[in-house]
Amino acid sequence: MDDPYLNDLRGEFNSYSNQLKKLKKKLLKVDVIEEQTKIINQIDSIAKKMENNQKQSVKVTKSRLKERKKKSKR
């Protein structure tokens, strides 16, 4: 399904994914506990954003499918 809003959500998700990869590499290189804690908090924050992004994507997809079914019944 090609939908501009879904495409934006997909792009955001990919951006979050890339950020997580960078933070993971950074976490593995850092030895200071305080710095590791900051990075882990950032990872948690991004993970929550990704989860919300996925929930929104599912809602929008279901909504779009309902719209299509209504249009096809007419």
N, C-alpha and C. Protein backbone atom coordinates (compact mmCIF):
# COMPACT_ATOMS: atom_id res chain seq x y z
N MET A 1 0.85 -1.17 0.00
CA MET A 1 0.00 0.00 0.00
C MET A 1 0.90 1.24 0.00
N ASP A 2 0.70 2.10 -0.95
CA ASP A 2 1.51 3.32 -1.05
C ASP A 2 0.70 4.48 -0.48
N ASP A 3 1.07 4.89 0.72
CA ASP A 3 0.37 5.96 1.42
C ASP A 3 1.43 6.92 1.96
N PRO A 4 1.30 8.22 1.69
CA PRO A 4 2.32 9.17 2.14
C PRO A 4 2.57 9.13 3.66
N TYR A 5 1.51 9.03 4.43
CA TYR A 5 1.67 9.02 5.89
C TYR A 5 2.38 7.74 6.34
N LEU A 6 1.99 6.61 5.76
CA LEU A 6 2.66 5.36 6.10
C LEU A 6 4.12 5.39 5.67
N ASN A 7 4.39 6.00 4.53
CA ASN A 7 5.77 6.14 4.07
C ASN A 7 6.59 6.97 5.05
N ASP A 8 5.97 8.03 5.59
CA ASP A 8 6.66 8.86 6.60
C ASP A 8 6.95 8.04 7.85
N LEU A 9 5.96 7.26 8.29
CA LEU A 9 6.16 6.42 9.47
C LEU A 9 7.27 5.40 9.24
N ARG A 10 7.30 4.84 8.05
CA ARG A 10 8.34 3.87 7.70
C ARG A 10 9.71 4.54 7.72
N GLY A 11 9.77 5.76 7.20
CA GLY A 11 11.03 6.50 7.20
C GLY A 11 11.51 6.82 8.61
N GLU A 12 10.56 7.21 9.47
CA GLU A 12 10.91 7.48 10.87
C GLU A 12 11.43 6.21 11.54
N PHE A 13 10.78 5.09 11.28
CA PHE A 13 11.19 3.83 11.88
C PHE A 13 12.62 3.47 11.44
N ASN A 14 12.90 3.65 10.18
CA ASN A 14 14.25 3.37 9.67
C ASN A 14 15.28 4.29 10.32
N SER A 15 14.90 5.54 10.52
CA SER A 15 15.79 6.49 11.18
C SER A 15 16.08 6.06 12.61
N TYR A 16 15.02 5.64 13.32
CA TYR A 16 15.21 5.15 14.69
C TYR A 16 16.12 3.93 14.70
N SER A 17 15.93 3.06 13.75
CA SER A 17 16.73 1.85 13.65
C SER A 17 18.21 2.19 13.46
N ASN A 18 18.48 3.15 12.58
CA ASN A 18 19.86 3.57 12.36
C ASN A 18 20.46 4.19 13.61
N GLN A 19 19.67 4.98 14.34
CA GLN A 19 20.15 5.58 15.58
C GLN A 19 20.50 4.50 16.60
N LEU A 20 19.66 3.46 16.67
CA LEU A 20 19.93 2.37 17.60
C LEU A 20 21.23 1.65 17.26
N LYS A 21 21.49 1.43 15.98
CA LYS A 21 22.72 0.77 15.56
C LYS A 21 23.94 1.58 15.99
N LYS A 22 23.86 2.91 15.80
CA LYS A 22 24.97 3.78 16.19
C LYS A 22 25.18 3.77 17.70
N LEU A 23 24.07 3.83 18.44
CA LEU A 23 24.17 3.82 19.90
C LEU A 23 24.72 2.49 20.41
N LYS A 24 24.36 1.41 19.76
CA LYS A 24 24.86 0.10 20.16
C LYS A 24 26.38 0.04 20.00
N LYS A 25 26.87 0.53 18.86
CA LYS A 25 28.32 0.55 18.63
C LYS A 25 29.01 1.44 19.67
N LYS A 26 28.39 2.59 19.94
CA LYS A 26 28.95 3.52 20.91
C LYS A 26 28.98 2.89 22.30
N LEU A 27 27.91 2.18 22.66
CA LEU A 27 27.81 1.53 23.96
C LEU A 27 28.92 0.49 24.15
N LEU A 28 29.21 -0.24 23.10
CA LEU A 28 30.24 -1.28 23.18
C LEU A 28 31.64 -0.69 23.35
N LYS A 29 31.83 0.54 22.89
CA LYS A 29 33.15 1.19 22.97
C LYS A 29 33.39 1.91 24.29
N VAL A 30 32.30 2.31 24.96
CA VAL A 30 32.42 3.12 26.17
C VAL A 30 32.66 2.25 27.39
N ASP A 31 33.58 2.69 28.26
CA ASP A 31 33.89 1.94 29.47
C ASP A 31 33.33 2.60 30.73
N VAL A 32 33.00 3.87 30.66
CA VAL A 32 32.54 4.62 31.82
C VAL A 32 31.07 4.29 32.09
N ILE A 33 30.77 3.88 33.32
CA ILE A 33 29.42 3.46 33.70
C ILE A 33 28.40 4.57 33.47
N GLU A 34 28.73 5.79 33.84
CA GLU A 34 27.79 6.91 33.69
C GLU A 34 27.43 7.13 32.22
N GLU A 35 28.43 7.03 31.38
CA GLU A 35 28.20 7.22 29.94
C GLU A 35 27.35 6.06 29.39
N GLN A 36 27.62 4.86 29.85
CA GLN A 36 26.82 3.70 29.43
C GLN A 36 25.37 3.88 29.84
N THR A 37 25.14 4.41 31.04
CA THR A 37 23.79 4.63 31.53
C THR A 37 23.05 5.63 30.63
N LYS A 38 23.74 6.70 30.24
CA LYS A 38 23.13 7.69 29.35
C LYS A 38 22.75 7.06 28.02
N ILE A 39 23.64 6.25 27.48
CA ILE A 39 23.39 5.61 26.19
C ILE A 39 22.21 4.64 26.30
N ILE A 40 22.16 3.88 27.39
CA ILE A 40 21.06 2.93 27.59
C ILE A 40 19.74 3.68 27.70
N ASN A 41 19.73 4.82 28.38
CA ASN A 41 18.51 5.62 28.47
C ASN A 41 18.07 6.13 27.10
N GLN A 42 19.04 6.52 26.27
CA GLN A 42 18.73 6.96 24.91
C GLN A 42 18.14 5.79 24.10
N ILE A 43 18.72 4.61 24.27
CA ILE A 43 18.22 3.43 23.57
C ILE A 43 16.79 3.13 23.99
N ASP A 44 16.52 3.22 25.29
CA ASP A 44 15.15 2.99 25.78
C ASP A 44 14.17 4.00 25.18
N SER A 45 14.59 5.24 25.13
CA SER A 45 13.73 6.29 24.58
C SER A 45 13.41 6.03 23.11
N ILE A 46 14.42 5.67 22.35
CA ILE A 46 14.22 5.38 20.93
C ILE A 46 13.35 4.15 20.76
N ALA A 47 13.55 3.15 21.60
CA ALA A 47 12.74 1.94 21.51
C ALA A 47 11.26 2.26 21.75
N LYS A 48 10.98 3.14 22.70
CA LYS A 48 9.59 3.55 22.96
C LYS A 48 9.01 4.29 21.75
N LYS A 49 9.82 5.14 21.13
CA LYS A 49 9.37 5.86 19.94
C LYS A 49 9.07 4.88 18.81
N MET A 50 9.92 3.87 18.68
CA MET A 50 9.71 2.86 17.63
C MET A 50 8.41 2.09 17.89
N GLU A 51 8.18 1.76 19.15
CA GLU A 51 6.96 1.03 19.50
C GLU A 51 5.72 1.86 19.18
N ASN A 52 5.75 3.14 19.54
CA ASN A 52 4.62 4.02 19.23
C ASN A 52 4.45 4.17 17.72
N ASN A 53 5.56 4.25 17.01
CA ASN A 53 5.52 4.35 15.56
C ASN A 53 4.84 3.13 14.96
N GLN A 54 5.19 1.95 15.46
CA GLN A 54 4.59 0.72 14.94
C GLN A 54 3.11 0.65 15.25
N LYS A 55 2.72 1.06 16.47
CA LYS A 55 1.30 1.06 16.83
C LYS A 55 0.52 1.99 15.90
N GLN A 56 1.07 3.17 15.65
CA GLN A 56 0.41 4.14 14.77
C GLN A 56 0.32 3.58 13.36
N SER A 57 1.36 2.93 12.91
CA SER A 57 1.38 2.35 11.57
C SER A 57 0.29 1.29 11.43
N VAL A 58 0.12 0.46 12.44
CA VAL A 58 -0.92 -0.58 12.41
C VAL A 58 -2.30 0.07 12.37
N LYS A 59 -2.51 1.09 13.19
CA LYS A 59 -3.80 1.78 13.21
C LYS A 59 -4.12 2.38 11.84
N VAL A 60 -3.15 3.05 11.26
CA VAL A 60 -3.37 3.69 9.97
C VAL A 60 -3.62 2.65 8.88
N THR A 61 -2.87 1.57 8.91
CA THR A 61 -3.05 0.52 7.91
C THR A 61 -4.46 -0.07 8.00
N LYS A 62 -4.91 -0.37 9.23
CA LYS A 62 -6.26 -0.90 9.39
C LYS A 62 -7.30 0.10 8.90
N SER A 63 -7.10 1.36 9.21
CA SER A 63 -8.03 2.40 8.78
C SER A 63 -8.08 2.49 7.25
N ARG A 64 -6.92 2.45 6.63
CA ARG A 64 -6.86 2.52 5.16
C ARG A 64 -7.55 1.32 4.52
N LEU A 65 -7.36 0.14 5.13
CA LEU A 65 -7.99 -1.05 4.59
C LEU A 65 -9.51 -0.96 4.71
N LYS A 66 -9.99 -0.43 5.83
CA LYS A 66 -11.44 -0.24 5.99
C LYS A 66 -11.98 0.72 4.94
N GLU A 67 -11.23 1.79 4.68
CA GLU A 67 -11.65 2.75 3.66
C GLU A 67 -11.74 2.08 2.30
N ARG A 68 -10.76 1.25 1.98
CA ARG A 68 -10.77 0.56 0.69
C ARG A 68 -11.98 -0.39 0.57
N LYS A 69 -12.28 -1.09 1.66
CA LYS A 69 -13.42 -2.02 1.64
C LYS A 69 -14.72 -1.25 1.42
N LYS A 70 -14.85 -0.10 2.07
CA LYS A 70 -16.05 0.71 1.92
C LYS A 70 -16.20 1.21 0.49
N LYS A 71 -15.08 1.63 -0.09
CA LYS A 71 -15.11 2.12 -1.47
C LYS A 71 -15.45 1.00 -2.44
N SER A 72 -14.94 -0.20 -2.19
CA SER A 72 -15.20 -1.29 -3.11
C SER A 72 -16.62 -1.81 -3.02
N LYS A 73 -17.28 -1.62 -1.87
CA LYS A 73 -18.66 -2.05 -1.72
C LYS A 73 -19.65 -1.11 -2.41
N ARG A 74 -19.24 0.09 -2.65
CA ARG A 74 -20.13 1.08 -3.28
C ARG A 74 -20.34 0.85 -4.73
